[in-house]
Amino acid sequence: MLFEKIRATVAEHLDCDVEEVKMESTFESLGIDSLDAVELVMELEEALELQMDLDRDLDTIADLVKFVEEKMGDNE
């Protein structure tokens, strides 16, 4: 599942327990700033073998999941 992959990547990036990363978690509550968000997208690009241009602001993990799903759909 895409959420699980993103969740694991975020947890690894933040060096936190994967259980702390929930769909409703905001980047702010996780301590993720704009630079971290860009780095996360780069890590996800590599993990998912997908090219994504971060073309909008994302506030939550759910926003990130939706963004990645849209980008995956664009590449089909």
C-alpha atoms as a PDB file:
ATOM      1  CA  MET A   1       0.000   0.000   0.000  1.00  0.00           C
ATOM      2  CA  LEU A   2       1.265   3.442  -0.919  1.00  0.00           C
ATOM      3  CA  PHE A   3       0.558   4.942   2.507  1.00  0.00           C
ATOM      4  CA  GLU A   4       2.714   2.278   4.179  1.00  0.00           C
ATOM      5  CA  LYS A   5       5.628   3.025   1.837  1.00  0.00           C
ATOM      6  CA  ILE A   6       5.309   6.777   2.422  1.00  0.00           C
ATOM      7  CA  ARG A   7       4.864   6.246   6.157  1.00  0.00           C
ATOM      8  CA  ALA A   8       8.038   4.152   6.345  1.00  0.00           C
ATOM      9  CA  THR A   9       9.996   6.706   4.305  1.00  0.00           C
ATOM     10  CA  VAL A  10       8.813   9.591   6.495  1.00  0.00           C
ATOM     11  CA  ALA A  11       9.584   7.688   9.700  1.00  0.00           C
ATOM     12  CA  GLU A  12      13.060   6.806   8.437  1.00  0.00           C
ATOM     13  CA  HIS A  13      13.698  10.390   7.345  1.00  0.00           C
ATOM     14  CA  LEU A  14      12.632  11.703  10.759  1.00  0.00           C
ATOM     15  CA  ASP A  15      14.235   8.835  12.674  1.00  0.00           C
ATOM     16  CA  CYS A  16      10.972   8.207  14.521  1.00  0.00           C
ATOM     17  CA  ASP A  17       8.642   5.276  15.131  1.00  0.00           C
ATOM     18  CA  VAL A  18       6.499   4.456  12.105  1.00  0.00           C
ATOM     19  CA  GLU A  19       3.419   4.457  14.374  1.00  0.00           C
ATOM     20  CA  GLU A  20       3.884   8.205  14.903  1.00  0.00           C
ATOM     21  CA  VAL A  21       3.171   8.847  11.208  1.00  0.00           C
ATOM     22  CA  LYS A  22      -0.572   8.832  10.531  1.00  0.00           C
ATOM     23  CA  MET A  23      -2.655   9.935   7.547  1.00  0.00           C
ATOM     24  CA  GLU A  24      -3.901  12.952   9.501  1.00  0.00           C
ATOM     25  CA  SER A  25      -0.424  13.926  10.753  1.00  0.00           C
ATOM     26  CA  THR A  26       0.546  17.394   9.650  1.00  0.00           C
ATOM     27  CA  PHE A  27       4.064  18.060   8.503  1.00  0.00           C
ATOM     28  CA  GLU A  28       4.239  20.765  11.153  1.00  0.00           C
ATOM     29  CA  SER A  29       3.289  18.330  13.939  1.00  0.00           C
ATOM     30  CA  LEU A  30       5.992  15.949  12.706  1.00  0.00           C
ATOM     31  CA  GLY A  31       8.554  18.751  12.607  1.00  0.00           C
ATOM     32  CA  ILE A  32       8.873  18.700   8.809  1.00  0.00           C
ATOM     33  CA  ASP A  33       9.773  22.028   7.219  1.00  0.00           C
ATOM     34  CA  SER A  34       9.729  22.907   3.527  1.00  0.00           C
ATOM     35  CA  LEU A  35      13.286  21.652   2.992  1.00  0.00           C
ATOM     36  CA  ASP A  36      12.415  18.336   4.639  1.00  0.00           C
ATOM     37  CA  ALA A  37       9.349  18.065   2.382  1.00  0.00           C
ATOM     38  CA  VAL A  38      11.489  18.511  -0.724  1.00  0.00           C
ATOM     39  CA  GLU A  39      13.970  15.921   0.557  1.00  0.00           C
ATOM     40  CA  LEU A  40      11.114  13.512   1.283  1.00  0.00           C
ATOM     41  CA  VAL A  41       9.758  13.885  -2.239  1.00  0.00           C
ATOM     42  CA  MET A  42      13.243  13.155  -3.592  1.00  0.00           C
ATOM     43  CA  GLU A  43      13.490  10.036  -1.412  1.00  0.00           C
ATOM     44  CA  LEU A  44      10.039   8.916  -2.555  1.00  0.00           C
ATOM     45  CA  GLU A  45      10.984   9.497  -6.193  1.00  0.00           C
ATOM     46  CA  GLU A  46      13.884   7.120  -5.730  1.00  0.00           C
ATOM     47  CA  ALA A  47      11.915   4.553  -3.715  1.00  0.00           C
ATOM     48  CA  LEU A  48       8.968   4.544  -6.119  1.00  0.00           C
ATOM     49  CA  GLU A  49      11.032   5.044  -9.299  1.00  0.00           C
ATOM     50  CA  LEU A  50       8.841   7.994 -10.170  1.00  0.00           C
ATOM     51  CA  GLN A  51       9.572  11.567 -11.228  1.00  0.00           C
ATOM     52  CA  MET A  52       7.530  14.079  -9.230  1.00  0.00           C
ATOM     53  CA  ASP A  53       7.684  17.851  -9.318  1.00  0.00           C
ATOM     54  CA  LEU A  54       6.409  19.296  -6.046  1.00  0.00           C
ATOM     55  CA  ASP A  55       4.006  21.796  -7.559  1.00  0.00           C
ATOM     56  CA  ARG A  56       1.872  22.620  -4.517  1.00  0.00           C
ATOM     57  CA  ASP A  57       1.947  23.014  -0.766  1.00  0.00           C
ATOM     58  CA  LEU A  58       1.203  19.876   1.199  1.00  0.00           C
ATOM     59  CA  ASP A  59       0.007  20.051   4.801  1.00  0.00           C
ATOM     60  CA  THR A  60      -0.609  16.454   5.849  1.00  0.00           C
ATOM     61  CA  ILE A  61       0.571  12.940   5.135  1.00  0.00           C
ATOM     62  CA  ALA A  62      -2.803  12.373   3.441  1.00  0.00           C
ATOM     63  CA  ASP A  63      -2.018  15.304   1.112  1.00  0.00           C
ATOM     64  CA  LEU A  64       1.325  13.684   0.287  1.00  0.00           C
ATOM     65  CA  VAL A  65      -0.309  10.305  -0.405  1.00  0.00           C
ATOM     66  CA  LYS A  66      -2.867  11.958  -2.712  1.00  0.00           C
ATOM     67  CA  PHE A  67      -0.109  13.932  -4.467  1.00  0.00           C
ATOM     68  CA  VAL A  68       1.936  10.768  -5.104  1.00  0.00           C
ATOM     69  CA  GLU A  69      -1.154   8.874  -6.310  1.00  0.00           C
ATOM     70  CA  GLU A  70      -1.865  11.662  -8.796  1.00  0.00           C
ATOM     71  CA  LYS A  71       1.730  11.643 -10.029  1.00  0.00           C
ATOM     72  CA  MET A  72       1.651   7.855 -10.397  1.00  0.00           C
ATOM     73  CA  GLY A  73      -1.557   8.196 -12.442  1.00  0.00           C
ATOM     74  CA  ASP A  74       0.109  10.795 -14.664  1.00  0.00           C
ATOM     75  CA  ASN A  75       2.858   8.315 -15.531  1.00  0.00           C
ATOM     76  CA  GLU A  76       0.541   5.487 -16.591  1.00  0.00           C
END
